[in-house]
Amino acid sequence: MITKFNINSFLKKYPFAEEEIRKNNIDVEVLGEIYEDYISVKDTYENQADFIANILRTHPKVHSVKSRIKQPGRLIEKVIRKTEDRKNKYNDDFQFTVDNYKEEINDLIGIRVIHIFKQEWEEIHKFILDTWKVVEITANVREGDDTKRFEELDIQIKSRKSGYRSVHYLIEFYPTSQKVIAEIQVRTIFEEGYGEIDHQLRYSHKEIPEILESNLLLFNRISGSADEMASMINLLNRNLCKMDSDYKTMMEQKDEEIRELKERLRKS
């Protein structure tokens, strides 16, 4: 049995939405249709999210993968919040409907890919491009970050005042006759820690208090420095391992040359 949409319960949880509904002439009955339609396909989306996540887990540079589908209430909240944006994009007559919400809301399926070292991103990037049809890539960076590689790969760059860092991919595929769009987020383990804390705080407050904002920015700098240090340690470790391997090879070659020289002397 499909749960019915209850506008009163919804507005208790998302009180800001009432003004947005009125301002953008959103039909509450249509919101109910979207809500009920989404619940009817929710299980299918969960299966598709698991399928994508399992493919990503096969890559050796991937540390861990999380998957989720958007909760019905969050979907309706986003439909309401994004209506004005879509009116600006298309025209003033635009409204979300059962027929268009799956294409307009691109994160119904969300996959988060965590890797350890910053240098590993590019291998995962190539894997995603080789595996799915990617329709959009956005690199979320903090102002002042090195964006040279993103520019070389012609990736859209979005500077985030909050310091949020993550590369987002929109992939398109057809598990059935209907197109599905999913969002894959790729970030380091340190970016994930910061992103989770930042996300929780921003959803807890309509406007983050100044003291929290300043401490978040400090935490962002610390997590960014930890990321750089981890990458430097990884690079140093690889160089040391290569030096050790080269030294071992050189000593083996010298030992072989000495054995050959001794053999010649013995025969002469």
Protein backbone atom coordinates (compact mmCIF):
# COMPACT_ATOMS: atom_id res chain seq x y z
CA MET A 1 0.00 0.00 0.00
CA ILE A 2 1.42 3.39 -1.07
CA THR A 3 1.59 6.07 1.63
CA LYS A 4 -0.44 9.16 0.79
CA PHE A 5 1.14 12.60 0.81
CA ASN A 6 0.05 14.69 3.80
CA ILE A 7 0.71 18.39 3.21
CA ASN A 8 0.11 19.35 6.86
CA SER A 9 2.67 16.85 8.16
CA PHE A 10 5.08 17.94 5.44
CA LEU A 11 4.80 21.64 6.32
CA LYS A 12 5.46 20.90 10.00
CA LYS A 13 8.80 19.41 8.97
CA TYR A 14 9.57 21.97 6.24
CA PRO A 15 7.79 25.20 7.32
CA PHE A 16 9.69 27.37 4.81
CA ALA A 17 8.00 25.46 1.96
CA GLU A 18 4.61 27.11 2.48
CA GLU A 19 5.84 30.47 1.19
CA GLU A 20 7.59 28.82 -1.79
CA ILE A 21 4.41 26.91 -2.70
CA ARG A 22 2.38 30.13 -2.65
CA LYS A 23 4.97 32.25 -4.44
CA ASN A 24 5.47 29.77 -7.30
CA ASN A 25 1.81 28.68 -7.63
CA ILE A 26 2.68 25.03 -6.94
CA ASP A 27 -0.27 22.65 -7.03
CA VAL A 28 -0.31 20.59 -3.82
CA GLU A 29 -2.22 17.82 -5.59
CA VAL A 30 0.61 17.50 -8.11
CA LEU A 31 3.10 17.26 -5.23
CA GLY A 32 1.00 14.36 -3.93
CA GLU A 33 1.10 12.67 -7.34
CA ILE A 34 4.88 13.01 -7.50
CA TYR A 35 5.24 11.69 -3.93
CA GLU A 36 3.09 8.61 -4.61
CA ASP A 37 4.68 7.91 -8.00
CA TYR A 38 8.15 8.03 -6.45
CA ILE A 39 7.18 5.62 -3.67
CA SER A 40 5.93 3.19 -6.34
CA VAL A 41 9.40 3.07 -8.00
CA LYS A 42 11.51 3.45 -4.85
CA ASP A 43 12.41 -0.26 -4.59
CA THR A 44 13.57 -0.30 -8.21
CA TYR A 45 15.79 2.72 -7.60
CA GLU A 46 17.32 1.03 -4.54
CA ASN A 47 18.24 -1.99 -6.68
CA GLN A 48 19.80 0.27 -9.31
CA ALA A 49 21.78 2.16 -6.66
CA ASP A 50 23.16 -1.14 -5.32
CA PHE A 51 24.07 -2.22 -8.86
CA ILE A 52 26.06 0.97 -9.58
CA ALA A 53 27.76 0.82 -6.15
CA ASN A 54 28.87 -2.78 -6.68
CA ILE A 55 30.47 -1.91 -10.03
CA LEU A 56 32.40 0.96 -8.42
CA ARG A 57 33.59 -1.32 -5.60
CA THR A 58 35.52 -3.39 -8.15
CA HIS A 59 38.02 -0.58 -8.76
CA PRO A 60 41.24 -1.13 -6.77
CA LYS A 61 41.66 2.54 -5.85
CA VAL A 62 38.18 2.80 -4.31
CA HIS A 63 38.31 2.62 -0.52
CA SER A 64 34.55 2.44 0.10
CA VAL A 65 31.21 3.16 -1.56
CA LYS A 66 27.95 4.41 -0.07
CA SER A 67 24.64 4.40 -1.92
CA ARG A 68 21.28 5.90 -1.13
CA ILE A 69 18.11 7.00 -2.84
CA LYS A 70 16.40 10.26 -1.98
CA GLN A 71 13.70 9.96 0.65
CA PRO A 72 10.18 10.93 -0.57
CA GLY A 73 9.89 13.92 1.79
CA ARG A 74 13.31 15.22 0.69
CA LEU A 75 12.23 14.84 -2.93
CA ILE A 76 9.14 17.01 -2.42
CA GLU A 77 11.20 19.57 -0.48
CA LYS A 78 13.64 19.74 -3.41
CA VAL A 79 10.85 19.95 -5.99
CA ILE A 80 9.46 22.97 -4.13
CA ARG A 81 12.89 24.55 -3.63
CA LYS A 82 13.94 24.07 -7.27
CA THR A 83 10.74 25.29 -8.91
CA GLU A 84 11.87 28.91 -9.00
CA ASP A 85 15.24 27.86 -10.44
CA ARG A 86 13.52 25.89 -13.23
CA LYS A 87 11.19 28.81 -13.98
CA ASN A 88 14.29 30.96 -14.49
CA LYS A 89 15.86 28.25 -16.64
CA TYR A 90 12.83 27.48 -18.83
CA ASN A 91 9.92 29.91 -18.43
CA ASP A 92 7.44 31.20 -15.85
CA ASP A 93 4.93 28.50 -16.76
CA PHE A 94 7.21 25.65 -15.69
CA GLN A 95 5.97 23.27 -13.01
CA PHE A 96 7.29 19.91 -11.83
CA THR A 97 5.01 17.00 -12.77
CA VAL A 98 4.96 13.21 -12.58
CA ASP A 99 6.22 13.20 -16.18
CA ASN A 100 9.28 15.41 -15.70
CA TYR A 101 10.54 15.15 -12.11
CA LYS A 102 12.73 12.07 -12.74
CA GLU A 103 14.75 13.95 -15.34
CA GLU A 104 14.81 17.32 -13.56
CA ILE A 105 15.88 15.97 -10.15
CA ASN A 106 19.24 14.38 -10.88
CA ASP A 107 20.13 12.92 -7.49
CA LEU A 108 17.24 10.51 -6.90
CA ILE A 109 20.02 7.90 -6.91
CA GLY A 110 23.15 9.03 -5.09
CA ILE A 111 26.44 7.15 -4.91
CA ARG A 112 29.43 8.32 -2.89
CA VAL A 113 32.88 6.98 -3.73
CA ILE A 114 35.65 7.42 -1.16
CA HIS A 115 39.35 7.09 -1.95
CA ILE A 116 42.35 7.67 0.29
CA PHE A 117 44.91 9.73 -1.64
CA LYS A 118 44.16 12.72 -3.88
CA GLN A 119 46.26 11.29 -6.75
CA GLU A 120 43.89 8.30 -7.01
CA TRP A 121 41.00 10.42 -8.28
CA GLU A 122 42.09 10.39 -11.92
CA GLU A 123 42.05 6.58 -12.22
CA ILE A 124 38.54 6.49 -10.74
CA HIS A 125 37.53 9.34 -13.08
CA LYS A 126 38.66 7.33 -16.11
CA PHE A 127 36.84 4.24 -14.84
CA ILE A 128 33.55 6.15 -14.56
CA LEU A 129 33.95 7.61 -18.07
CA ASP A 130 34.70 4.16 -19.50
CA THR A 131 31.76 2.49 -17.71
CA TRP A 132 28.80 4.87 -18.12
CA LYS A 133 27.54 7.68 -20.30
CA VAL A 134 28.51 10.77 -18.32
CA VAL A 135 26.33 13.78 -19.10
CA GLU A 136 27.87 16.27 -16.67
CA ILE A 137 30.94 16.60 -14.43
CA THR A 138 31.43 19.31 -11.81
CA ALA A 139 34.50 19.76 -9.61
CA ASN A 140 33.51 21.48 -6.37
CA VAL A 141 36.55 23.28 -4.97
CA ARG A 142 37.47 25.87 -2.40
CA GLU A 143 38.69 29.23 -3.69
CA GLY A 144 42.48 29.06 -4.03
CA ASP A 145 42.61 25.30 -4.73
CA ASP A 146 44.79 24.08 -7.61
CA THR A 147 42.33 23.48 -10.46
CA LYS A 148 44.84 23.02 -13.30
CA ARG A 149 44.08 19.31 -13.90
CA PHE A 150 40.32 19.91 -13.92
CA GLU A 151 40.84 22.67 -16.50
CA GLU A 152 43.02 20.38 -18.65
CA LEU A 153 40.24 17.77 -18.63
CA ASP A 154 37.63 20.44 -19.46
CA ILE A 155 35.70 19.81 -16.24
CA GLN A 156 33.29 22.46 -14.98
CA ILE A 157 34.62 24.07 -11.79
CA LYS A 158 32.39 25.42 -9.03
CA SER A 159 34.01 27.42 -6.23
CA ARG A 160 32.33 26.76 -2.87
CA LYS A 161 32.57 29.40 -0.16
CA SER A 162 31.93 26.67 2.43
CA GLY A 163 35.09 24.83 1.37
CA TYR A 164 33.16 21.76 0.21
CA ARG A 165 35.28 19.61 -2.12
CA SER A 166 33.99 16.75 -4.26
CA VAL A 167 33.81 15.80 -7.95
CA HIS A 168 30.22 15.11 -9.05
CA TYR A 169 29.22 13.03 -12.07
CA LEU A 170 25.75 12.71 -13.59
CA ILE A 171 25.50 9.38 -15.38
CA GLU A 172 22.72 8.27 -17.69
CA PHE A 173 21.67 4.66 -18.32
CA TYR A 174 18.68 2.54 -19.30
CA PRO A 175 18.05 -0.40 -16.93
CA THR A 176 14.57 -0.52 -18.53
CA SER A 177 13.00 1.43 -21.39
CA GLN A 178 13.01 4.50 -19.14
CA LYS A 179 16.14 6.60 -18.76
CA VAL A 180 17.63 6.89 -15.27
CA ILE A 181 20.04 9.58 -14.12
CA ALA A 182 22.23 9.00 -11.07
CA GLU A 183 24.77 11.18 -9.29
CA ILE A 184 28.19 9.82 -8.35
CA GLN A 185 30.26 11.87 -5.90
CA VAL A 186 34.00 11.14 -5.67
CA ARG A 187 36.06 12.50 -2.79
CA THR A 188 38.93 11.65 -0.45
CA ILE A 189 38.41 10.24 3.01
CA PHE A 190 39.29 13.65 4.53
CA GLU A 191 36.90 15.50 2.20
CA GLU A 192 34.22 13.02 3.22
CA GLY A 193 34.73 13.75 6.93
CA TYR A 194 34.46 17.49 6.39
CA GLY A 195 31.53 17.13 3.94
CA GLU A 196 29.48 15.04 6.37
CA ILE A 197 29.91 17.48 9.25
CA ASP A 198 29.22 20.49 7.02
CA HIS A 199 26.09 18.81 5.62
CA GLN A 200 24.67 18.01 9.05
CA LEU A 201 25.18 21.55 10.31
CA ARG A 202 23.66 23.16 7.21
CA TYR A 203 20.56 20.98 7.46
CA SER A 204 20.26 21.77 11.18
CA HIS A 205 20.19 25.54 10.64
CA LYS A 206 18.41 27.71 8.10
CA GLU A 207 21.39 30.03 8.48
CA ILE A 208 24.56 28.81 10.17
CA PRO A 209 25.57 30.94 13.22
CA GLU A 210 28.77 32.92 12.68
CA ILE A 211 30.71 31.02 15.36
CA LEU A 212 29.91 27.71 13.65
CA GLU A 213 30.74 29.15 10.23
CA SER A 214 34.18 30.34 11.32
CA ASN A 215 35.01 27.04 13.01
CA LEU A 216 33.82 25.11 9.95
CA LEU A 217 36.22 27.11 7.77
CA LEU A 218 39.04 26.38 10.22
CA PHE A 219 38.16 22.69 10.13
CA ASN A 220 38.14 22.86 6.32
CA ARG A 221 41.70 24.19 6.30
CA ILE A 222 42.82 21.45 8.69
CA SER A 223 41.17 18.67 6.64
CA GLY A 224 42.65 20.16 3.44
CA SER A 225 46.12 20.19 5.01
CA ALA A 226 45.64 16.57 6.16
CA ASP A 227 44.73 15.65 2.58
CA GLU A 228 47.91 17.26 1.25
CA MET A 229 50.03 15.61 3.93
CA ALA A 230 48.55 12.17 3.21
CA SER A 231 49.31 12.63 -0.50
CA MET A 232 52.87 13.72 0.29
CA ILE A 233 53.39 10.69 2.56
CA ASN A 234 52.03 8.44 -0.21
CA LEU A 235 54.38 9.99 -2.79
CA LEU A 236 57.35 9.74 -0.41
CA ASN A 237 56.54 6.10 0.32
CA ARG A 238 56.37 5.29 -3.40
CA ASN A 239 59.71 7.01 -4.01
CA LEU A 240 61.35 5.15 -1.11
CA CYS A 241 59.95 1.84 -2.33
CA LYS A 242 61.27 2.55 -5.84
CA MET A 243 64.69 3.50 -4.46
CA ASP A 244 64.75 0.29 -2.41
CA SER A 245 63.74 -1.76 -5.44
CA ASP A 246 66.32 -0.03 -7.68
CA TYR A 247 69.04 -0.58 -5.07
CA LYS A 248 68.13 -4.26 -4.77
CA THR A 249 68.21 -4.69 -8.55
CA MET A 250 71.57 -2.91 -8.78
CA MET A 251 73.09 -5.14 -6.06
CA GLU A 252 71.80 -8.26 -7.80
CA GLN A 253 73.39 -7.08 -11.06
CA LYS A 254 76.70 -6.41 -9.29
CA ASP A 255 76.62 -9.86 -7.65
CA GLU A 256 76.00 -11.43 -11.06
CA GLU A 257 78.90 -9.48 -12.61
CA ILE A 258 81.19 -10.63 -9.78
CA ARG A 259 80.12 -14.26 -10.30
CA GLU A 260 80.82 -13.99 -14.03
CA LEU A 261 84.22 -12.41 -13.40
CA LYS A 262 85.17 -15.14 -10.93
CA GLU A 263 84.09 -17.79 -13.45
CA ARG A 264 86.29 -16.24 -16.16
CA LEU A 265 89.28 -16.09 -13.82
CA ARG A 266 88.77 -19.72 -12.86
CA LYS A 267 88.78 -20.79 -16.53
CA SER A 268 91.76 -18.69 -17.55
